[in-house]
Amino acid sequence: MHVEARFLLNVAVLAFLFSALPAMCAFAWAKGGPAERYGSTLYCVSALGAMLVRLLIRQPLPPAFELIMDALVGVGFLLLALRYSSLWLGAAMMLKGVQLSLHATHLTDTVDAKIDGFNVYAASLNLITLSLIAVFFWATLANGRASRRSQADLEHPSDPAFGSVAH
């Protein structure tokens, strides 16, 4: 793949991520519960903040800084998962753990691995970001369905004697 094509692909991926993160956060705030709202906000603020700092300083963030930020966000996901008993936030925490391990290995590597000219480290980070967006999207959908189901149960309660055997 030509250098120009790789550059355009990188710009397209960054543009998608810049637009998908706030859209996912807005969707979670509009349709999700408190766990989805706080978790998506925590992730969006950290991810967009890191992207903006990268663009302002025009160089990659030091891996140690990214390692610390991801650890803090992972701990935040853990606390939210425990507070709201959310399996979705547990999944997000595990994805941040994978991202944390990528940063840790990147600290020890001297050269980034490349496949057909693509940086495997950067592609892996983008894949984890897309996975986190998907986790919060599905969590918000699942929460919306659960809240609609519980609302329907409140409006139309079932007969408590249904299915019981009369003695």
Protein backbone atom coordinates (compact mmCIF):
# COMPACT_ATOMS: atom_id res chain seq x y z
CA MET A 1 0.00 0.00 0.00
CA HIS A 2 1.32 3.42 -0.91
CA VAL A 3 2.30 5.90 1.76
CA GLU A 4 -0.44 8.30 0.66
CA ALA A 5 -3.08 5.59 0.92
CA ARG A 6 -1.92 4.65 4.43
CA PHE A 7 -2.01 8.32 5.42
CA LEU A 8 -5.56 8.72 4.10
CA LEU A 9 -6.63 5.55 5.90
CA ASN A 10 -5.14 6.85 9.16
CA VAL A 11 -6.91 10.18 8.74
CA ALA A 12 -10.20 8.41 8.00
CA VAL A 13 -9.86 6.22 11.10
CA LEU A 14 -9.04 9.21 13.31
CA ALA A 15 -11.95 11.20 11.87
CA PHE A 16 -14.29 8.28 12.53
CA LEU A 17 -13.05 7.89 16.09
CA PHE A 18 -13.30 11.65 16.73
CA SER A 19 -16.95 11.55 15.65
CA ALA A 20 -17.91 8.12 17.06
CA LEU A 21 -16.72 8.83 20.61
CA PRO A 22 -18.90 11.89 21.26
CA ALA A 23 -21.82 10.25 19.41
CA MET A 24 -21.53 7.17 21.63
CA CYS A 25 -21.36 9.35 24.75
CA ALA A 26 -24.42 11.36 23.67
CA PHE A 27 -26.30 8.12 22.92
CA ALA A 28 -25.42 6.75 26.37
CA TRP A 29 -26.60 9.96 28.04
CA ALA A 30 -29.84 9.98 26.03
CA LYS A 31 -30.79 6.31 26.35
CA GLY A 32 -28.59 4.69 28.99
CA GLY A 33 -28.64 4.34 32.72
CA PRO A 34 -26.21 5.88 35.18
CA ALA A 35 -23.59 3.17 34.63
CA GLU A 36 -23.53 3.76 30.87
CA ARG A 37 -23.59 7.54 31.28
CA TYR A 38 -20.71 7.73 33.72
CA GLY A 39 -18.65 5.01 32.04
CA SER A 40 -18.99 6.49 28.56
CA THR A 41 -18.22 9.97 29.87
CA LEU A 42 -15.11 8.72 31.66
CA TYR A 43 -13.90 7.01 28.51
CA CYS A 44 -14.79 9.83 26.11
CA VAL A 45 -13.14 12.51 28.22
CA SER A 46 -9.95 10.46 28.55
CA ALA A 47 -9.80 9.36 24.89
CA LEU A 48 -10.70 12.71 23.36
CA GLY A 49 -8.43 14.52 25.80
CA ALA A 50 -5.51 12.30 24.81
CA MET A 51 -6.29 12.79 21.09
CA LEU A 52 -6.44 16.57 21.51
CA VAL A 53 -3.16 16.68 23.44
CA ARG A 54 -1.55 14.54 20.73
CA LEU A 55 -2.77 16.95 18.06
CA LEU A 56 -1.66 20.03 20.01
CA ILE A 57 1.87 18.81 20.73
CA ARG A 58 2.10 17.16 17.27
CA GLN A 59 3.81 14.05 18.54
CA PRO A 60 2.78 10.82 20.24
CA LEU A 61 2.19 10.88 23.95
CA PRO A 62 4.87 9.16 26.00
CA PRO A 63 3.90 5.51 26.58
CA ALA A 64 4.31 5.95 30.34
CA PHE A 65 1.72 8.74 30.32
CA GLU A 66 -0.70 6.59 28.30
CA LEU A 67 -0.03 3.70 30.67
CA ILE A 68 -0.95 5.83 33.69
CA MET A 69 -4.07 7.29 32.01
CA ASP A 70 -5.32 3.86 30.96
CA ALA A 71 -4.72 2.51 34.45
CA LEU A 72 -6.77 5.35 35.94
CA VAL A 73 -9.61 4.83 33.46
CA GLY A 74 -9.50 1.06 34.08
CA VAL A 75 -9.77 1.64 37.84
CA GLY A 76 -12.65 4.04 37.16
CA PHE A 77 -14.42 1.33 35.14
CA LEU A 78 -13.81 -1.14 37.98
CA LEU A 79 -15.34 1.20 40.56
CA LEU A 80 -18.33 1.91 38.33
CA ALA A 81 -18.79 -1.80 37.56
CA LEU A 82 -18.83 -2.59 41.27
CA ARG A 83 -21.09 0.35 42.10
CA TYR A 84 -23.70 -0.45 39.44
CA SER A 85 -23.15 -4.25 39.17
CA SER A 86 -22.59 -3.82 35.45
CA LEU A 87 -21.11 -6.65 33.41
CA TRP A 88 -20.71 -4.22 30.51
CA LEU A 89 -18.41 -2.02 32.54
CA GLY A 90 -16.54 -5.14 33.58
CA ALA A 91 -16.00 -5.89 29.89
CA ALA A 92 -14.85 -2.31 29.31
CA MET A 93 -12.44 -2.66 32.24
CA MET A 94 -10.99 -5.85 30.71
CA LEU A 95 -10.52 -4.11 27.35
CA LYS A 96 -8.68 -1.31 29.15
CA GLY A 97 -6.54 -4.01 30.75
CA VAL A 98 -5.61 -5.28 27.28
CA GLN A 99 -4.80 -1.72 26.27
CA LEU A 100 -2.72 -1.35 29.42
CA SER A 101 -0.74 -4.45 28.52
CA LEU A 102 -0.18 -3.09 25.00
CA HIS A 103 1.28 0.10 26.46
CA ALA A 104 3.45 -1.91 28.85
CA THR A 105 4.88 -4.02 26.03
CA HIS A 106 5.37 -0.89 23.93
CA LEU A 107 7.52 0.54 26.72
CA THR A 108 9.87 -2.45 26.49
CA ASP A 109 9.98 -2.77 22.69
CA THR A 110 12.60 -0.85 20.79
CA VAL A 111 10.90 -1.08 17.38
CA ASP A 112 7.18 -1.11 16.55
CA ALA A 113 6.01 -4.22 14.71
CA LYS A 114 4.69 -3.53 11.22
CA ILE A 115 2.54 -5.62 8.94
CA ASP A 116 2.42 -4.43 5.33
CA GLY A 117 3.52 -0.99 6.47
CA PHE A 118 0.87 -0.70 9.22
CA ASN A 119 1.94 -0.12 12.79
CA VAL A 120 0.52 -3.07 14.75
CA TYR A 121 0.59 -1.15 18.05
CA ALA A 122 -1.45 1.76 16.67
CA ALA A 123 -3.86 -0.56 14.85
CA SER A 124 -4.39 -2.56 18.05
CA LEU A 125 -5.14 0.60 20.02
CA ASN A 126 -7.68 1.67 17.37
CA LEU A 127 -9.29 -1.78 17.48
CA ILE A 128 -9.63 -1.58 21.27
CA THR A 129 -11.17 1.89 20.95
CA LEU A 130 -13.71 0.56 18.46
CA SER A 131 -14.42 -2.36 20.80
CA LEU A 132 -15.03 0.01 23.71
CA ILE A 133 -17.40 2.08 21.58
CA ALA A 134 -19.26 -1.13 20.71
CA VAL A 135 -19.40 -2.19 24.38
CA PHE A 136 -20.99 1.09 25.44
CA PHE A 137 -23.36 1.02 22.46
CA TRP A 138 -24.61 -2.48 23.32
CA ALA A 139 -24.73 -1.66 27.04
CA THR A 140 -26.95 1.33 26.32
CA LEU A 141 -29.21 -0.75 24.09
CA ALA A 142 -29.45 -3.49 26.71
CA ASN A 143 -30.23 -0.99 29.45
CA GLY A 144 -32.94 0.61 27.32
CA ARG A 145 -34.59 -2.76 26.72
CA ALA A 146 -34.39 -3.67 30.41
CA SER A 147 -35.91 -0.36 31.49
CA ARG A 148 -38.73 -0.69 28.92
CA ARG A 149 -39.38 -4.23 30.14
CA SER A 150 -39.52 -3.15 33.78
CA GLN A 151 -41.76 -0.20 32.86
CA ALA A 152 -44.14 -2.59 31.06
CA ASP A 153 -44.16 -4.86 34.13
CA LEU A 154 -45.14 -1.90 36.32
CA GLU A 155 -47.94 -0.87 33.97
CA HIS A 156 -49.31 -4.38 33.49
CA PRO A 157 -48.50 -6.49 36.54
CA SER A 158 -48.99 -10.19 36.10
CA ASP A 159 -51.36 -12.14 38.30
CA PRO A 160 -49.32 -13.37 41.29
CA ALA A 161 -51.51 -16.46 41.54
CA PHE A 162 -50.92 -17.38 37.92
CA GLY A 163 -49.34 -20.77 37.67
CA SER A 164 -49.78 -21.62 41.32
CA VAL A 165 -51.74 -24.65 42.35
CA ALA A 166 -54.79 -23.92 44.53
CA HIS A 167 -55.02 -26.10 47.59
